[in-house]
Amino acid sequence: MALKLEVKTLDVFGKSNILHGILVKVVVVVVVVEVVVVVVVVAAAVVKVVVVVVVLVVVVAVAVVVVALVVVVVVVVRGLFQK
């Protein structure tokens, strides 16, 4: 009888430990999912900022090229007219 009681007690503890382990895993999964969601939101914000910066850089680069071309054309036209 003593052995059976001990076995039952061990079984109960084993089951409770398994349940506790499952609960801990569920909590960990939920925390990981929340962290992943936060990382995705932050990444989206960073991507938006990067896209804005890239667009600004491209716009500035295009503007510089256009201004340079206008300057070159003006210089060439002046040179032609001066000749």
PDB file of N, CA and C in Angstrom:
ATOM      1  N   MET A   1       0.842  -1.208   0.000  1.00  0.00           N
ATOM      2  CA  MET A   1       0.000   0.000   0.000  1.00  0.00           C
ATOM      3  C   MET A   1       0.878   1.260   0.000  1.00  0.00           C
ATOM      4  N   ALA A   2       1.929   1.213   0.775  1.00  0.00           N
ATOM      5  CA  ALA A   2       2.808   2.387   0.862  1.00  0.00           C
ATOM      6  C   ALA A   2       3.427   2.653  -0.509  1.00  0.00           C
ATOM      7  N   LEU A   3       3.850   1.602  -1.197  1.00  0.00           N
ATOM      8  CA  LEU A   3       4.458   1.765  -2.513  1.00  0.00           C
ATOM      9  C   LEU A   3       3.440   2.341  -3.485  1.00  0.00           C
ATOM     10  N   LYS A   4       2.188   1.821  -3.453  1.00  0.00           N
ATOM     11  CA  LYS A   4       1.166   2.331  -4.365  1.00  0.00           C
ATOM     12  C   LYS A   4       0.892   3.803  -4.110  1.00  0.00           C
ATOM     13  N   LEU A   5       0.813   4.194  -2.834  1.00  0.00           N
ATOM     14  CA  LEU A   5       0.560   5.598  -2.492  1.00  0.00           C
ATOM     15  C   LEU A   5       1.691   6.470  -3.034  1.00  0.00           C
ATOM     16  N   GLU A   6       2.929   5.980  -2.831  1.00  0.00           N
ATOM     17  CA  GLU A   6       4.075   6.759  -3.315  1.00  0.00           C
ATOM     18  C   GLU A   6       4.010   6.893  -4.831  1.00  0.00           C
ATOM     19  N   VAL A   7       3.667   5.809  -5.513  1.00  0.00           N
ATOM     20  CA  VAL A   7       3.594   5.848  -6.982  1.00  0.00           C
ATOM     21  C   VAL A   7       2.520   6.836  -7.410  1.00  0.00           C
ATOM     22  N   LYS A   8       1.360   6.786  -6.735  1.00  0.00           N
ATOM     23  CA  LYS A   8       0.275   7.707  -7.082  1.00  0.00           C
ATOM     24  C   LYS A   8       0.724   9.147  -6.853  1.00  0.00           C
ATOM     25  N   THR A   9       1.376   9.386  -5.735  1.00  0.00           N
ATOM     26  CA  THR A   9       1.848  10.736  -5.424  1.00  0.00           C
ATOM     27  C   THR A   9       2.818  11.198  -6.508  1.00  0.00           C
ATOM     28  N   LEU A  10       3.743  10.309  -6.888  1.00  0.00           N
ATOM     29  CA  LEU A  10       4.711  10.651  -7.928  1.00  0.00           C
ATOM     30  C   LEU A  10       3.977  10.937  -9.233  1.00  0.00           C
ATOM     31  N   ASP A  11       2.943  10.111  -9.553  1.00  0.00           N
ATOM     32  CA  ASP A  11       2.183  10.333 -10.783  1.00  0.00           C
ATOM     33  C   ASP A  11       1.528  11.709 -10.755  1.00  0.00           C
ATOM     34  N   VAL A  12       0.928  12.028  -9.623  1.00  0.00           N
ATOM     35  CA  VAL A  12       0.244  13.314  -9.496  1.00  0.00           C
ATOM     36  C   VAL A  12       1.253  14.442  -9.696  1.00  0.00           C
ATOM     37  N   PHE A  13       2.404  14.328  -9.039  1.00  0.00           N
ATOM     38  CA  PHE A  13       3.425  15.371  -9.188  1.00  0.00           C
ATOM     39  C   PHE A  13       3.918  15.420 -10.636  1.00  0.00           C
ATOM     40  N   GLY A  14       4.102  14.233 -11.236  1.00  0.00           N
ATOM     41  CA  GLY A  14       4.544  14.173 -12.623  1.00  0.00           C
ATOM     42  C   GLY A  14       3.555  14.891 -13.523  1.00  0.00           C
ATOM     43  N   LYS A  15       2.251  14.598 -13.331  1.00  0.00           N
ATOM     44  CA  LYS A  15       1.219  15.243 -14.148  1.00  0.00           C
ATOM     45  C   LYS A  15       1.212  16.742 -13.907  1.00  0.00           C
ATOM     46  N   SER A  16       1.299  17.136 -12.646  1.00  0.00           N
ATOM     47  CA  SER A  16       1.252  18.569 -12.338  1.00  0.00           C
ATOM     48  C   SER A  16       2.482  19.251 -12.951  1.00  0.00           C
ATOM     49  N   ASN A  17       3.629  18.557 -12.905  1.00  0.00           N
ATOM     50  CA  ASN A  17       4.831  19.139 -13.514  1.00  0.00           C
ATOM     51  C   ASN A  17       4.648  19.272 -15.019  1.00  0.00           C
ATOM     52  N   ILE A  18       4.033  18.250 -15.639  1.00  0.00           N
ATOM     53  CA  ILE A  18       3.783  18.305 -17.086  1.00  0.00           C
ATOM     54  C   ILE A  18       2.853  19.477 -17.389  1.00  0.00           C
ATOM     55  N   LEU A  19       1.762  19.604 -16.599  1.00  0.00           N
ATOM     56  CA  LEU A  19       0.825  20.720 -16.802  1.00  0.00           C
ATOM     57  C   LEU A  19       1.546  22.043 -16.615  1.00  0.00           C
ATOM     58  N   HIS A  20       2.350  22.113 -15.553  1.00  0.00           N
ATOM     59  CA  HIS A  20       3.107  23.343 -15.286  1.00  0.00           C
ATOM     60  C   HIS A  20       4.031  23.646 -16.468  1.00  0.00           C
ATOM     61  N   GLY A  21       4.684  22.614 -16.979  1.00  0.00           N
ATOM     62  CA  GLY A  21       5.560  22.788 -18.138  1.00  0.00           C
ATOM     63  C   GLY A  21       4.789  23.302 -19.343  1.00  0.00           C
ATOM     64  N   ILE A  22       3.592  22.745 -19.583  1.00  0.00           N
ATOM     65  CA  ILE A  22       2.755  23.174 -20.711  1.00  0.00           C
ATOM     66  C   ILE A  22       2.354  24.633 -20.517  1.00  0.00           C
ATOM     67  N   LEU A  23       1.937  24.987 -19.289  1.00  0.00           N
ATOM     68  CA  LEU A  23       1.541  26.377 -19.018  1.00  0.00           C
ATOM     69  C   LEU A  23       2.708  27.313 -19.250  1.00  0.00           C
ATOM     70  N   VAL A  24       3.895  26.930 -18.777  1.00  0.00           N
ATOM     71  CA  VAL A  24       5.086  27.760 -18.966  1.00  0.00           C
ATOM     72  C   VAL A  24       5.358  27.918 -20.453  1.00  0.00           C
ATOM     73  N   LYS A  25       5.240  26.815 -21.226  1.00  0.00           N
ATOM     74  CA  LYS A  25       5.472  26.888 -22.665  1.00  0.00           C
ATOM     75  C   LYS A  25       4.463  27.830 -23.317  1.00  0.00           C
ATOM     76  N   VAL A  26       3.194  27.742 -22.914  1.00  0.00           N
ATOM     77  CA  VAL A  26       2.158  28.605 -23.484  1.00  0.00           C
ATOM     78  C   VAL A  26       2.494  30.061 -23.183  1.00  0.00           C
ATOM     79  N   VAL A  27       2.876  30.345 -21.941  1.00  0.00           N
ATOM     80  CA  VAL A  27       3.223  31.719 -21.544  1.00  0.00           C
ATOM     81  C   VAL A  27       4.413  32.191 -22.366  1.00  0.00           C
ATOM     82  N   VAL A  28       5.433  31.347 -22.506  1.00  0.00           N
ATOM     83  CA  VAL A  28       6.623  31.708 -23.288  1.00  0.00           C
ATOM     84  C   VAL A  28       6.224  31.991 -24.724  1.00  0.00           C
ATOM     85  N   VAL A  29       5.370  31.146 -25.307  1.00  0.00           N
ATOM     86  CA  VAL A  29       4.927  31.343 -26.690  1.00  0.00           C
ATOM     87  C   VAL A  29       4.200  32.677 -26.814  1.00  0.00           C
ATOM     88  N   VAL A  30       3.313  32.987 -25.877  1.00  0.00           N
ATOM     89  CA  VAL A  30       2.562  34.246 -25.909  1.00  0.00           C
ATOM     90  C   VAL A  30       3.534  35.415 -25.833  1.00  0.00           C
ATOM     91  N   VAL A  31       4.504  35.345 -24.921  1.00  0.00           N
ATOM     92  CA  VAL A  31       5.494  36.417 -24.776  1.00  0.00           C
ATOM     93  C   VAL A  31       6.291  36.557 -26.061  1.00  0.00           C
ATOM     94  N   VAL A  32       6.722  35.449 -26.637  1.00  0.00           N
ATOM     95  CA  VAL A  32       7.492  35.489 -27.884  1.00  0.00           C
ATOM     96  C   VAL A  32       6.652  36.125 -28.985  1.00  0.00           C
ATOM     97  N   VAL A  33       5.375  35.745 -29.083  1.00  0.00           N
ATOM     98  CA  VAL A  33       4.491  36.310 -30.109  1.00  0.00           C
ATOM     99  C   VAL A  33       4.375  37.823 -29.906  1.00  0.00           C
ATOM    100  N   GLU A  34       4.202  38.264 -28.660  1.00  0.00           N
ATOM    101  CA  GLU A  34       4.100  39.699 -28.384  1.00  0.00           C
ATOM    102  C   GLU A  34       5.389  40.408 -28.779  1.00  0.00           C
ATOM    103  N   VAL A  35       6.527  39.819 -28.443  1.00  0.00           N
ATOM    104  CA  VAL A  35       7.823  40.418 -28.789  1.00  0.00           C
ATOM    105  C   VAL A  35       7.964  40.488 -30.308  1.00  0.00           C
ATOM    106  N   VAL A  36       7.577  39.417 -31.005  1.00  0.00           N
ATOM    107  CA  VAL A  36       7.662  39.396 -32.466  1.00  0.00           C
ATOM    108  C   VAL A  36       6.783  40.505 -33.053  1.00  0.00           C
ATOM    109  N   VAL A  37       5.568  40.662 -32.515  1.00  0.00           N
ATOM    110  CA  VAL A  37       4.659  41.708 -32.999  1.00  0.00           C
ATOM    111  C   VAL A  37       5.307  43.075 -32.807  1.00  0.00           C
ATOM    112  N   VAL A  38       5.896  43.312 -31.634  1.00  0.00           N
ATOM    113  CA  VAL A  38       6.562  44.592 -31.358  1.00  0.00           C
ATOM    114  C   VAL A  38       7.703  44.786 -32.344  1.00  0.00           C
ATOM    115  N   VAL A  39       8.507  43.753 -32.570  1.00  0.00           N
ATOM    116  CA  VAL A  39       9.634  43.844 -33.506  1.00  0.00           C
ATOM    117  C   VAL A  39       9.118  44.168 -34.906  1.00  0.00           C
ATOM    118  N   VAL A  40       8.017  43.524 -35.320  1.00  0.00           N
ATOM    119  CA  VAL A  40       7.451  43.783 -36.650  1.00  0.00           C
ATOM    120  C   VAL A  40       6.996  45.238 -36.753  1.00  0.00           C
ATOM    121  N   VAL A  41       6.331  45.751 -35.711  1.00  0.00           N
ATOM    122  CA  VAL A  41       5.857  47.142 -35.718  1.00  0.00           C
ATOM    123  C   VAL A  41       7.053  48.086 -35.807  1.00  0.00           C
ATOM    124  N   VAL A  42       8.081  47.837 -34.991  1.00  0.00           N
ATOM    125  CA  VAL A  42       9.288  48.678 -35.011  1.00  0.00           C
ATOM    126  C   VAL A  42       9.949  48.591 -36.378  1.00  0.00           C
ATOM    127  N   ALA A  43      10.046  47.372 -36.926  1.00  0.00           N
ATOM    128  CA  ALA A  43      10.658  47.185 -38.242  1.00  0.00           C
ATOM    129  C   ALA A  43       9.874  47.968 -39.301  1.00  0.00           C
ATOM    130  N   ALA A  44       8.549  47.920 -39.215  1.00  0.00           N
ATOM    131  CA  ALA A  44       7.719  48.661 -40.175  1.00  0.00           C
ATOM    132  C   ALA A  44       8.003  50.157 -40.069  1.00  0.00           C
ATOM    133  N   ALA A  45       8.111  50.668 -38.851  1.00  0.00           N
ATOM    134  CA  ALA A  45       8.417  52.094 -38.653  1.00  0.00           C
ATOM    135  C   ALA A  45       9.789  52.420 -39.239  1.00  0.00           C
ATOM    136  N   VAL A  46      10.772  51.557 -38.973  1.00  0.00           N
ATOM    137  CA  VAL A  46      12.128  51.774 -39.490  1.00  0.00           C
ATOM    138  C   VAL A  46      12.106  51.754 -41.013  1.00  0.00           C
ATOM    139  N   VAL A  47      11.377  50.786 -41.591  1.00  0.00           N
ATOM    140  CA  VAL A  47      11.291  50.691 -43.054  1.00  0.00           C
ATOM    141  C   VAL A  47      10.677  51.969 -43.619  1.00  0.00           C
ATOM    142  N   LYS A  48       9.621  52.471 -42.966  1.00  0.00           N
ATOM    143  CA  LYS A  48       8.999  53.726 -43.431  1.00  0.00           C
ATOM    144  C   LYS A  48      10.022  54.854 -43.417  1.00  0.00           C
ATOM    145  N   VAL A  49      10.772  54.968 -42.330  1.00  0.00           N
ATOM    146  CA  VAL A  49      11.784  56.031 -42.220  1.00  0.00           C
ATOM    147  C   VAL A  49      12.829  55.854 -43.314  1.00  0.00           C
ATOM    148  N   VAL A  50      13.297  54.611 -43.509  1.00  0.00           N
ATOM    149  CA  VAL A  50      14.313  54.343 -44.528  1.00  0.00           C
ATOM    150  C   VAL A  50      13.777  54.706 -45.908  1.00  0.00           C
ATOM    151  N   VAL A  51      12.528  54.326 -46.185  1.00  0.00           N
ATOM    152  CA  VAL A  51      11.925  54.634 -47.493  1.00  0.00           C
ATOM    153  C   VAL A  51      11.863  56.144 -47.680  1.00  0.00           C
ATOM    154  N   VAL A  52      11.427  56.870 -46.652  1.00  0.00           N
ATOM    155  CA  VAL A  52      11.344  58.330 -46.737  1.00  0.00           C
ATOM    156  C   VAL A  52      12.730  58.909 -47.002  1.00  0.00           C
ATOM    157  N   VAL A  53      13.733  58.426 -46.265  1.00  0.00           N
ATOM    158  CA  VAL A  53      15.105  58.930 -46.439  1.00  0.00           C
ATOM    159  C   VAL A  53      15.583  58.631 -47.854  1.00  0.00           C
ATOM    160  N   VAL A  54      15.350  57.406 -48.330  1.00  0.00           N
ATOM    161  CA  VAL A  54      15.782  57.030 -49.683  1.00  0.00           C
ATOM    162  C   VAL A  54      15.101  57.931 -50.715  1.00  0.00           C
ATOM    163  N   VAL A  55      13.797  58.147 -50.557  1.00  0.00           N
ATOM    164  CA  VAL A  55      13.060  59.016 -51.494  1.00  0.00           C
ATOM    165  C   VAL A  55      13.650  60.419 -51.467  1.00  0.00           C
ATOM    166  N   LEU A  56      13.915  60.944 -50.274  1.00  0.00           N
ATOM    167  CA  LEU A  56      14.501  62.286 -50.164  1.00  0.00           C
ATOM    168  C   LEU A  56      15.862  62.336 -50.851  1.00  0.00           C
ATOM    169  N   VAL A  57      16.692  61.313 -50.605  1.00  0.00           N
ATOM    170  CA  VAL A  57      18.028  61.268 -51.221  1.00  0.00           C
ATOM    171  C   VAL A  57      17.895  61.234 -52.741  1.00  0.00           C
ATOM    172  N   VAL A  58      16.977  60.401 -53.239  1.00  0.00           N
ATOM    173  CA  VAL A  58      16.773  60.305 -54.694  1.00  0.00           C
ATOM    174  C   VAL A  58      16.309  61.653 -55.251  1.00  0.00           C
ATOM    175  N   VAL A  59      15.356  62.279 -54.571  1.00  0.00           N
ATOM    176  CA  VAL A  59      14.841  63.584 -55.030  1.00  0.00           C
ATOM    177  C   VAL A  59      15.972  64.608 -55.055  1.00  0.00           C
ATOM    178  N   VAL A  60      16.761  64.647 -53.989  1.00  0.00           N
ATOM    179  CA  VAL A  60      17.884  65.600 -53.923  1.00  0.00           C
ATOM    180  C   VAL A  60      18.885  65.289 -55.028  1.00  0.00           C
ATOM    181  N   ALA A  61      19.202  64.006 -55.236  1.00  0.00           N
ATOM    182  CA  ALA A  61      20.158  63.620 -56.275  1.00  0.00           C
ATOM    183  C   ALA A  61      19.643  64.053 -57.651  1.00  0.00           C
ATOM    184  N   VAL A  62      18.358  63.794 -57.914  1.00  0.00           N
ATOM    185  CA  VAL A  62      17.765  64.190 -59.204  1.00  0.00           C
ATOM    186  C   VAL A  62      17.824  65.703 -59.352  1.00  0.00           C
ATOM    187  N   ALA A  63      17.491  66.423 -58.296  1.00  0.00           N
ATOM    188  CA  ALA A  63      17.533  67.890 -58.336  1.00  0.00           C
ATOM    189  C   ALA A  63      18.952  68.373 -58.646  1.00  0.00           C
ATOM    190  N   VAL A  64      19.954  67.767 -57.994  1.00  0.00           N
ATOM    191  CA  VAL A  64      21.353  68.157 -58.225  1.00  0.00           C
ATOM    192  C   VAL A  64      21.732  67.890 -59.675  1.00  0.00           C
ATOM    193  N   VAL A  65      21.352  66.717 -60.198  1.00  0.00           N
ATOM    194  CA  VAL A  65      21.665  66.370 -61.594  1.00  0.00           C
ATOM    195  C   VAL A  65      20.989  67.367 -62.537  1.00  0.00           C
ATOM    196  N   VAL A  66      19.718  67.680 -62.265  1.00  0.00           N
ATOM    197  CA  VAL A  66      18.985  68.624 -63.125  1.00  0.00           C
ATOM    198  C   VAL A  66      19.671  69.989 -63.092  1.00  0.00           C
ATOM    199  N   VAL A  67      20.009  70.468 -61.907  1.00  0.00           N
ATOM    200  CA  VAL A  67      20.685  71.773 -61.777  1.00  0.00           C
ATOM    201  C   VAL A  67      22.015  71.727 -62.527  1.00  0.00           C
ATOM    202  N   ALA A  68      22.781  70.636 -62.371  1.00  0.00           N
ATOM    203  CA  ALA A  68      24.072  70.504 -63.055  1.00  0.00           C
ATOM    204  C   ALA A  68      23.867  70.550 -64.570  1.00  0.00           C
ATOM    205  N   LEU A  69      22.854  69.834 -65.066  1.00  0.00           N
ATOM    206  CA  LEU A  69      22.579  69.837 -66.508  1.00  0.00           C
ATOM    207  C   LEU A  69      22.197  71.236 -66.982  1.00  0.00           C
ATOM    208  N   VAL A  70      21.357  71.919 -66.204  1.00  0.00           N
ATOM    209  CA  VAL A  70      20.950  73.279 -66.573  1.00  0.00           C
ATOM    210  C   VAL A  70      22.180  74.178 -66.632  1.00  0.00           C
ATOM    211  N   VAL A  71      23.058  74.061 -65.638  1.00  0.00           N
ATOM    212  CA  VAL A  71      24.281  74.879 -65.610  1.00  0.00           C
ATOM    213  C   VAL A  71      25.130  74.574 -66.838  1.00  0.00           C
ATOM    214  N   VAL A  72      25.299  73.286 -67.165  1.00  0.00           N
ATOM    215  CA  VAL A  72      26.094  72.892 -68.324  1.00  0.00           C
ATOM    216  C   VAL A  72      25.474  73.467 -69.594  1.00  0.00           C
ATOM    217  N   VAL A  73      24.164  73.336 -69.741  1.00  0.00           N
ATOM    218  CA  VAL A  73      23.477  73.839 -70.939  1.00  0.00           C
ATOM    219  C   VAL A  73      23.660  75.353 -71.040  1.00  0.00           C
ATOM    220  N   VAL A  74      23.475  76.052 -69.916  1.00  0.00           N
ATOM    221  CA  VAL A  74      23.621  77.513 -69.911  1.00  0.00           C
ATOM    222  C   VAL A  74      25.039  77.897 -70.321  1.00  0.00           C
ATOM    223  N   VAL A  75      26.036  77.205 -69.757  1.00  0.00           N
ATOM    224  CA  VAL A  75      27.435  77.506 -70.077  1.00  0.00           C
ATOM    225  C   VAL A  75      27.695  77.240 -71.556  1.00  0.00           C
ATOM    226  N   VAL A  76      27.222  76.123 -72.072  1.00  0.00           N
ATOM    227  CA  VAL A  76      27.433  75.773 -73.482  1.00  0.00           C
ATOM    228  C   VAL A  76      26.751  76.806 -74.377  1.00  0.00           C
ATOM    229  N   VAL A  77      25.503  77.173 -74.046  1.00  0.00           N
ATOM    230  CA  VAL A  77      24.755  78.143 -74.858  1.00  0.00           C
ATOM    231  C   VAL A  77      25.468  79.494 -74.827  1.00  0.00           C
ATOM    232  N   ARG A  78      25.914  79.911 -73.663  1.00  0.00           N
ATOM    233  CA  ARG A  78      26.649  81.191 -73.553  1.00  0.00           C
ATOM    234  C   ARG A  78      27.917  81.118 -74.400  1.00  0.00           C
ATOM    235  N   GLY A  79      28.609  79.976 -74.316  1.00  0.00           N
ATOM    236  CA  GLY A  79      29.840  79.807 -75.095  1.00  0.00           C
ATOM    237  C   GLY A  79      29.552  79.913 -76.579  1.00  0.00           C
ATOM    238  N   LEU A  80      28.449  79.309 -77.026  1.00  0.00           N
ATOM    239  CA  LEU A  80      28.090  79.358 -78.453  1.00  0.00           C
ATOM    240  C   LEU A  80      27.769  80.789 -78.857  1.00  0.00           C
ATOM    241  N   PHE A  81      26.997  81.484 -77.973  1.00  0.00           N
ATOM    242  CA  PHE A  81      26.602  82.856 -78.324  1.00  0.00           C
ATOM    243  C   PHE A  81      27.807  83.792 -78.300  1.00  0.00           C
ATOM    244  N   GLN A  82      28.759  83.521 -77.389  1.00  0.00           N
ATOM    245  CA  GLN A  82      29.926  84.400 -77.305  1.00  0.00           C
ATOM    246  C   GLN A  82      30.801  84.233 -78.548  1.00  0.00           C
ATOM    247  N   LYS A  83      30.845  83.030 -79.088  1.00  0.00           N
ATOM    248  CA  LYS A  83      31.650  82.803 -80.298  1.00  0.00           C
ATOM    249  C   LYS A  83      30.964  83.504 -81.451  1.00  0.00           C
TER     250      LYS A  83
END
